[in-house]
PDB file of all heavy atoms in Angstrom:
ATOM      1  N   ARG A   1     159.184  42.345 281.235  1.00  0.00           N
ATOM      2  CA  ARG A   1     160.432  41.614 281.018  1.00  0.00           C
ATOM      3  C   ARG A   1     160.131  40.311 280.301  1.00  0.00           C
ATOM      4  O   ARG A   1     158.983  39.842 280.276  1.00  0.00           O
ATOM      5  CB  ARG A   1     161.113  41.316 282.355  1.00  0.00           C
ATOM      6  CG  ARG A   1     160.290  40.460 283.305  1.00  0.00           C
ATOM      7  CD  ARG A   1     160.922  40.394 284.686  1.00  0.00           C
ATOM      8  NE  ARG A   1     160.056  39.764 285.644  1.00  0.00           N
ATOM      9  CZ  ARG A   1     160.057  38.456 285.939  1.00  0.00           C
ATOM     10  NH1 ARG A   1     160.913  37.653 285.319  1.00  0.00           N
ATOM     11  NH2 ARG A   1     159.240  37.962 286.856  1.00  0.00           N
ATOM     12  N   THR A   2     161.119  39.730 279.705  1.00  0.00           N
ATOM     13  CA  THR A   2     160.967  38.393 279.133  1.00  0.00           C
ATOM     14  C   THR A   2     160.778  37.406 280.272  1.00  0.00           C
ATOM     15  O   THR A   2     161.506  37.429 281.264  1.00  0.00           O
ATOM     16  CB  THR A   2     162.206  38.013 278.307  1.00  0.00           C
ATOM     17  OG1 THR A   2     162.318  38.928 277.206  1.00  0.00           O
ATOM     18  CG2 THR A   2     162.088  36.599 277.772  1.00  0.00           C
ATOM     19  N   LYS A   3     159.783  36.566 280.151  1.00  0.00           N
ATOM     20  CA  LYS A   3     159.449  35.648 281.242  1.00  0.00           C
ATOM     21  C   LYS A   3     159.032  34.295 280.687  1.00  0.00           C
ATOM     22  O   LYS A   3     158.166  34.223 279.814  1.00  0.00           O
ATOM     23  CB  LYS A   3     158.319  36.239 282.096  1.00  0.00           C
ATOM     24  CG  LYS A   3     157.959  35.420 283.316  1.00  0.00           C
ATOM     25  CD  LYS A   3     156.861  36.112 284.128  1.00  0.00           C
ATOM     26  CE  LYS A   3     156.496  35.315 285.363  1.00  0.00           C
ATOM     27  NZ  LYS A   3     155.411  35.966 286.145  1.00  0.00           N
ATOM     28  N   LYS A   4     159.654  33.258 281.193  1.00  0.00           N
ATOM     29  CA  LYS A   4     159.343  31.874 280.793  1.00  0.00           C
ATOM     30  C   LYS A   4     159.362  31.713 279.276  1.00  0.00           C
ATOM     31  O   LYS A   4     158.476  31.089 278.680  1.00  0.00           O
ATOM     32  CB  LYS A   4     157.985  31.449 281.360  1.00  0.00           C
ATOM     33  CG  LYS A   4     157.954  31.390 282.877  1.00  0.00           C
ATOM     34  CD  LYS A   4     156.588  30.956 283.394  1.00  0.00           C
ATOM     35  CE  LYS A   4     156.593  30.893 284.920  1.00  0.00           C
ATOM     36  NZ  LYS A   4     155.261  30.512 285.468  1.00  0.00           N
ATOM     37  N   GLY A   5     160.354  32.329 278.644  1.00  0.00           N
ATOM     38  CA  GLY A   5     160.516  32.182 277.201  1.00  0.00           C
ATOM     39  C   GLY A   5     159.648  33.095 276.365  1.00  0.00           C
ATOM     40  O   GLY A   5     159.765  33.092 275.130  1.00  0.00           O
ATOM     41  N   SER A   6     158.795  33.899 276.999  1.00  0.00           N
ATOM     42  CA  SER A   6     157.919  34.816 276.253  1.00  0.00           C
ATOM     43  C   SER A   6     158.506  36.221 276.309  1.00  0.00           C
ATOM     44  O   SER A   6     158.816  36.727 277.394  1.00  0.00           O
ATOM     45  CB  SER A   6     156.517  34.825 276.853  1.00  0.00           C
ATOM     46  OG  SER A   6     155.910  33.561 276.727  1.00  0.00           O
ATOM     47  N   ASN A   7     158.650  36.844 275.139  1.00  0.00           N
ATOM     48  CA  ASN A   7     159.155  38.211 275.111  1.00  0.00           C
ATOM     49  C   ASN A   7     158.021  39.185 275.446  1.00  0.00           C
ATOM     50  O   ASN A   7     156.846  38.789 275.518  1.00  0.00           O
ATOM     51  CB  ASN A   7     159.797  38.522 273.755  1.00  0.00           C
ATOM     52  CG  ASN A   7     158.801  38.412 272.597  1.00  0.00           C
ATOM     53  OD1 ASN A   7     157.648  38.826 272.712  1.00  0.00           O
ATOM     54  ND2 ASN A   7     159.252  37.864 271.474  1.00  0.00           N
ATOM     55  N   PRO A   8     158.334  40.476 275.660  1.00  0.00           N
ATOM     56  CA  PRO A   8     157.300  41.433 276.060  1.00  0.00           C
ATOM     57  C   PRO A   8     156.098  41.489 275.111  1.00  0.00           C
ATOM     58  O   PRO A   8     154.952  41.596 275.565  1.00  0.00           O
ATOM     59  CB  PRO A   8     158.054  42.767 276.093  1.00  0.00           C
ATOM     60  CG  PRO A   8     159.461  42.371 276.458  1.00  0.00           C
ATOM     61  CD  PRO A   8     159.683  41.083 275.755  1.00  0.00           C
ATOM     62  N   LYS A   9     156.332  41.431 273.808  1.00  0.00           N
ATOM     63  CA  LYS A   9     155.210  41.476 272.861  1.00  0.00           C
ATOM     64  C   LYS A   9     154.302  40.264 273.028  1.00  0.00           C
ATOM     65  O   LYS A   9     153.070  40.376 273.017  1.00  0.00           O
ATOM     66  CB  LYS A   9     155.748  41.534 271.437  1.00  0.00           C
ATOM     67  CG  LYS A   9     154.652  41.696 270.390  1.00  0.00           C
ATOM     68  CD  LYS A   9     155.236  41.814 268.989  1.00  0.00           C
ATOM     69  CE  LYS A   9     154.107  41.964 267.958  1.00  0.00           C
ATOM     70  NZ  LYS A   9     154.648  42.076 266.565  1.00  0.00           N
ATOM     71  N   GLN A  10     154.896  39.090 273.196  1.00  0.00           N
ATOM     72  CA  GLN A  10     154.100  37.870 273.406  1.00  0.00           C
ATOM     73  C   GLN A  10     153.338  37.935 274.722  1.00  0.00           C
ATOM     74  O   GLN A  10     152.208  37.449 274.813  1.00  0.00           O
ATOM     75  CB  GLN A  10     155.021  36.644 273.372  1.00  0.00           C
ATOM     76  CG  GLN A  10     155.621  36.361 272.008  1.00  0.00           C
ATOM     77  CD  GLN A  10     156.717  35.317 272.063  1.00  0.00           C
ATOM     78  OE1 GLN A  10     157.468  35.219 273.052  1.00  0.00           O
ATOM     79  NE2 GLN A  10     156.829  34.516 271.014  1.00  0.00           N
ATOM     80  N   ARG A  11     153.946  38.557 275.721  1.00  0.00           N
ATOM     81  CA  ARG A  11     153.277  38.660 277.018  1.00  0.00           C
ATOM     82  C   ARG A  11     152.059  39.584 276.940  1.00  0.00           C
ATOM     83  O   ARG A  11     151.053  39.347 277.615  1.00  0.00           O
ATOM     84  CB  ARG A  11     154.260  39.137 278.088  1.00  0.00           C
ATOM     85  CG  ARG A  11     155.334  38.112 278.429  1.00  0.00           C
ATOM     86  CD  ARG A  11     156.125  38.527 279.643  1.00  0.00           C
ATOM     87  NE  ARG A  11     155.291  38.558 280.835  1.00  0.00           N
ATOM     88  CZ  ARG A  11     155.634  39.145 281.974  1.00  0.00           C
ATOM     89  NH1 ARG A  11     156.797  39.778 282.066  1.00  0.00           N
ATOM     90  NH2 ARG A  11     154.832  39.129 283.009  1.00  0.00           N
ATOM     91  N   VAL A  12     152.157  40.645 276.156  1.00  0.00           N
ATOM     92  CA  VAL A  12     150.990  41.515 275.955  1.00  0.00           C
ATOM     93  C   VAL A  12     149.852  40.717 275.315  1.00  0.00           C
ATOM     94  O   VAL A  12     148.675  40.835 275.716  1.00  0.00           O
ATOM     95  CB  VAL A  12     151.355  42.739 275.090  1.00  0.00           C
ATOM     96  CG1 VAL A  12     150.093  43.482 274.644  1.00  0.00           C
ATOM     97  CG2 VAL A  12     152.257  43.680 275.870  1.00  0.00           C
ATOM     98  N   GLU A  13     150.184  39.909 274.331  1.00  0.00           N
ATOM     99  CA  GLU A  13     149.168  39.074 273.684  1.00  0.00           C
ATOM    100  C   GLU A  13     148.540  38.105 274.677  1.00  0.00           C
ATOM    101  O   GLU A  13     147.324  37.867 274.655  1.00  0.00           O
ATOM    102  CB  GLU A  13     149.795  38.315 272.515  1.00  0.00           C
ATOM    103  CG  GLU A  13     150.244  39.217 271.374  1.00  0.00           C
ATOM    104  CD  GLU A  13     151.061  38.480 270.324  1.00  0.00           C
ATOM    105  OE1 GLU A  13     151.314  37.265 270.515  1.00  0.00           O
ATOM    106  OE2 GLU A  13     151.433  39.110 269.309  1.00  0.00           O
ATOM    107  N   THR A  14     149.367  37.562 275.571  1.00  0.00           N
ATOM    108  CA  THR A  14     148.853  36.645 276.594  1.00  0.00           C
ATOM    109  C   THR A  14     147.923  37.374 277.554  1.00  0.00           C
ATOM    110  O   THR A  14     146.862  36.849 277.929  1.00  0.00           O
ATOM    111  CB  THR A  14     150.021  36.019 277.381  1.00  0.00           C
ATOM    112  OG1 THR A  14     150.869  35.300 276.484  1.00  0.00           O
ATOM    113  CG2 THR A  14     149.506  35.071 278.454  1.00  0.00           C
ATOM    114  N   ILE A  15     148.295  38.585 277.948  1.00  0.00           N
ATOM    115  CA  ILE A  15     147.440  39.386 278.842  1.00  0.00           C
ATOM    116  C   ILE A  15     146.073  39.581 278.219  1.00  0.00           C
ATOM    117  O   ILE A  15     145.034  39.389 278.861  1.00  0.00           O
ATOM    118  CB  ILE A  15     148.109  40.740 279.143  1.00  0.00           C
ATOM    119  CG1 ILE A  15     149.323  40.558 280.044  1.00  0.00           C
ATOM    120  CG2 ILE A  15     147.104  41.699 279.810  1.00  0.00           C
ATOM    121  CD1 ILE A  15     150.172  41.812 280.192  1.00  0.00           C
ATOM    122  N   PHE A  16     146.040  39.953 276.940  1.00  0.00           N
ATOM    123  CA  PHE A  16     144.769  40.269 276.284  1.00  0.00           C
ATOM    124  C   PHE A  16     143.970  39.025 275.894  1.00  0.00           C
ATOM    125  O   PHE A  16     142.816  39.139 275.488  1.00  0.00           O
ATOM    126  CB  PHE A  16     145.014  41.147 275.055  1.00  0.00           C
ATOM    127  CG  PHE A  16     145.399  42.560 275.396  1.00  0.00           C
ATOM    128  CD1 PHE A  16     146.369  43.226 274.665  1.00  0.00           C
ATOM    129  CD2 PHE A  16     144.806  43.213 276.456  1.00  0.00           C
ATOM    130  CE1 PHE A  16     146.737  44.524 274.981  1.00  0.00           C
ATOM    131  CE2 PHE A  16     145.162  44.507 276.792  1.00  0.00           C
ATOM    132  CZ  PHE A  16     146.121  45.165 276.055  1.00  0.00           C
ATOM    133  N   SER A  17     144.594  37.846 276.012  1.00  0.00           N
ATOM    134  CA  SER A  17     143.838  36.611 275.749  1.00  0.00           C
ATOM    135  C   SER A  17     142.965  36.225 276.929  1.00  0.00           C
ATOM    136  O   SER A  17     142.120  35.332 276.819  1.00  0.00           O
ATOM    137  CB  SER A  17     144.809  35.468 275.428  1.00  0.00           C
ATOM    138  OG  SER A  17     145.586  35.125 276.584  1.00  0.00           O
ATOM    139  N   SER A  18     143.147  36.926 278.066  1.00  0.00           N
ATOM    140  CA  SER A  18     142.350  36.624 279.260  1.00  0.00           C
ATOM    141  C   SER A  18     140.889  36.970 279.033  1.00  0.00           C
ATOM    142  O   SER A  18     140.546  37.936 278.329  1.00  0.00           O
ATOM    143  CB  SER A  18     142.891  37.412 280.460  1.00  0.00           C
ATOM    144  OG  SER A  18     141.987  37.364 281.546  1.00  0.00           O
ATOM    145  N   VAL A  19     140.019  36.205 279.661  1.00  0.00           N
ATOM    146  CA  VAL A  19     138.582  36.454 279.591  1.00  0.00           C
ATOM    147  C   VAL A  19     138.231  37.828 280.157  1.00  0.00           C
ATOM    148  O   VAL A  19     137.182  38.389 279.836  1.00  0.00           O
ATOM    149  CB  VAL A  19     137.819  35.339 280.340  1.00  0.00           C
ATOM    150  CG1 VAL A  19     138.122  35.374 281.833  1.00  0.00           C
ATOM    151  CG2 VAL A  19     136.321  35.429 280.114  1.00  0.00           C
ATOM    152  N   LEU A  20     139.107  38.391 280.981  1.00  0.00           N
ATOM    153  CA  LEU A  20     138.876  39.716 281.552  1.00  0.00           C
ATOM    154  C   LEU A  20     138.642  40.762 280.467  1.00  0.00           C
ATOM    155  O   LEU A  20     137.894  41.723 280.672  1.00  0.00           O
ATOM    156  CB  LEU A  20     140.088  40.120 282.405  1.00  0.00           C
ATOM    157  CG  LEU A  20     140.097  41.546 282.970  1.00  0.00           C
ATOM    158  CD1 LEU A  20     139.046  41.690 284.073  1.00  0.00           C
ATOM    159  CD2 LEU A  20     141.478  41.913 283.497  1.00  0.00           C
ATOM    160  N   PHE A  21     139.267  40.599 279.295  1.00  0.00           N
ATOM    161  CA  PHE A  21     139.195  41.605 278.245  1.00  0.00           C
ATOM    162  C   PHE A  21     138.139  41.297 277.183  1.00  0.00           C
ATOM    163  O   PHE A  21     138.025  42.034 276.201  1.00  0.00           O
ATOM    164  CB  PHE A  21     140.567  41.753 277.580  1.00  0.00           C
ATOM    165  CG  PHE A  21     141.618  42.309 278.502  1.00  0.00           C
ATOM    166  CD1 PHE A  21     142.416  41.459 279.257  1.00  0.00           C
ATOM    167  CD2 PHE A  21     141.812  43.669 278.635  1.00  0.00           C
ATOM    168  CE1 PHE A  21     143.385  41.957 280.120  1.00  0.00           C
ATOM    169  CE2 PHE A  21     142.772  44.181 279.487  1.00  0.00           C
ATOM    170  CZ  PHE A  21     143.561  43.324 280.230  1.00  0.00           C
ATOM    171  N   ASP A  22     137.353  40.246 277.371  1.00  0.00           N
ATOM    172  CA  ASP A  22     136.355  39.878 276.365  1.00  0.00           C
ATOM    173  C   ASP A  22     135.311  40.964 276.167  1.00  0.00           C
ATOM    174  O   ASP A  22     134.941  41.291 275.027  1.00  0.00           O
ATOM    175  CB  ASP A  22     135.675  38.557 276.750  1.00  0.00           C
ATOM    176  CG  ASP A  22     136.575  37.353 276.524  1.00  0.00           C
ATOM    177  OD1 ASP A  22     137.689  37.542 275.985  1.00  0.00           O
ATOM    178  OD2 ASP A  22     136.182  36.236 276.907  1.00  0.00           O
ATOM    179  N   TYR A  23     134.809  41.535 277.257  1.00  0.00           N
ATOM    180  CA  TYR A  23     133.777  42.566 277.129  1.00  0.00           C
ATOM    181  C   TYR A  23     134.347  43.826 276.479  1.00  0.00           C
ATOM    182  O   TYR A  23     133.685  44.479 275.678  1.00  0.00           O
ATOM    183  CB  TYR A  23     133.183  42.896 278.499  1.00  0.00           C
ATOM    184  CG  TYR A  23     132.098  43.947 278.446  1.00  0.00           C
ATOM    185  CD1 TYR A  23     130.874  43.675 277.840  1.00  0.00           C
ATOM    186  CD2 TYR A  23     132.300  45.214 278.989  1.00  0.00           C
ATOM    187  CE1 TYR A  23     129.876  44.634 277.771  1.00  0.00           C
ATOM    188  CE2 TYR A  23     131.308  46.179 278.930  1.00  0.00           C
ATOM    189  CZ  TYR A  23     130.098  45.889 278.322  1.00  0.00           C
ATOM    190  OH  TYR A  23     129.119  46.849 278.249  1.00  0.00           O
ATOM    191  N   LEU A  24     135.589  44.173 276.813  1.00  0.00           N
ATOM    192  CA  LEU A  24     136.242  45.326 276.189  1.00  0.00           C
ATOM    193  C   LEU A  24     136.323  45.142 274.676  1.00  0.00           C
ATOM    194  O   LEU A  24     136.013  46.070 273.905  1.00  0.00           O
ATOM    195  CB  LEU A  24     137.646  45.501 276.775  1.00  0.00           C
ATOM    196  CG  LEU A  24     138.552  46.514 276.078  1.00  0.00           C
ATOM    197  CD1 LEU A  24     137.991  47.926 276.227  1.00  0.00           C
ATOM    198  CD2 LEU A  24     139.977  46.433 276.616  1.00  0.00           C
ATOM    199  N   LYS A  25     136.725  43.955 274.218  1.00  0.00           N
ATOM    200  CA  LYS A  25     136.828  43.683 272.778  1.00  0.00           C
ATOM    201  C   LYS A  25     135.459  43.791 272.115  1.00  0.00           C
ATOM    202  O   LYS A  25     135.333  44.307 270.997  1.00  0.00           O
ATOM    203  CB  LYS A  25     137.415  42.289 272.555  1.00  0.00           C
ATOM    204  CG  LYS A  25     138.836  42.114 273.066  1.00  0.00           C
ATOM    205  CD  LYS A  25     139.265  40.655 272.961  1.00  0.00           C
ATOM    206  CE  LYS A  25     140.602  40.419 273.639  1.00  0.00           C
ATOM    207  NZ  LYS A  25     140.973  38.975 273.656  1.00  0.00           N
ATOM    208  N   GLU A  26     134.453  43.285 272.805  1.00  0.00           N
ATOM    209  CA  GLU A  26     133.093  43.344 272.262  1.00  0.00           C
ATOM    210  C   GLU A  26     132.598  44.788 272.173  1.00  0.00           C
ATOM    211  O   GLU A  26     131.942  45.180 271.204  1.00  0.00           O
ATOM    212  CB  GLU A  26     132.160  42.517 273.147  1.00  0.00           C
ATOM    213  CG  GLU A  26     130.705  42.530 272.730  1.00  0.00           C
ATOM    214  CD  GLU A  26     129.818  41.799 273.727  1.00  0.00           C
ATOM    215  OE1 GLU A  26     130.298  40.836 274.364  1.00  0.00           O
ATOM    216  OE2 GLU A  26     128.645  42.205 273.878  1.00  0.00           O
ATOM    217  N   LEU A  27     132.921  45.589 273.185  1.00  0.00           N
ATOM    218  CA  LEU A  27     132.421  46.961 273.267  1.00  0.00           C
ATOM    219  C   LEU A  27     133.194  47.921 272.369  1.00  0.00           C
ATOM    220  O   LEU A  27     132.598  48.759 271.662  1.00  0.00           O
ATOM    221  CB  LEU A  27     132.493  47.439 274.718  1.00  0.00           C
ATOM    222  CG  LEU A  27     131.954  48.833 275.032  1.00  0.00           C
ATOM    223  CD1 LEU A  27     130.433  48.861 274.871  1.00  0.00           C
ATOM    224  CD2 LEU A  27     132.339  49.255 276.446  1.00  0.00           C
ATOM    225  N   ARG A  28     134.513  47.831 272.386  1.00  0.00           N
ATOM    226  CA  ARG A  28     135.359  48.799 271.669  1.00  0.00           C
ATOM    227  C   ARG A  28     136.018  48.242 270.416  1.00  0.00           C
ATOM    228  O   ARG A  28     136.616  49.005 269.652  1.00  0.00           O
ATOM    229  CB  ARG A  28     136.460  49.321 272.599  1.00  0.00           C
ATOM    230  CG  ARG A  28     135.966  49.972 273.880  1.00  0.00           C
ATOM    231  CD  ARG A  28     135.223  51.254 273.604  1.00  0.00           C
ATOM    232  NE  ARG A  28     134.816  51.917 274.848  1.00  0.00           N
ATOM    233  CZ  ARG A  28     133.964  52.926 274.892  1.00  0.00           C
ATOM    234  NH1 ARG A  28     133.433  53.389 273.766  1.00  0.00           N
ATOM    235  NH2 ARG A  28     133.646  53.482 276.051  1.00  0.00           N
ATOM    236  N   GLY A  29     135.927  46.930 270.235  1.00  0.00           N
ATOM    237  CA  GLY A  29     136.630  46.315 269.115  1.00  0.00           C
ATOM    238  C   GLY A  29     138.058  45.982 269.488  1.00  0.00           C
ATOM    239  O   GLY A  29     138.661  46.628 270.349  1.00  0.00           O
TER     240      GLY A  29
END
């Protein structure tokens, strides 16, 4: 859902900006 002014697409980008996904980006691109 839209939350705190961020639409769903922006929220996906925020999720993937987490350090949790750094190794995934390094491994799979």
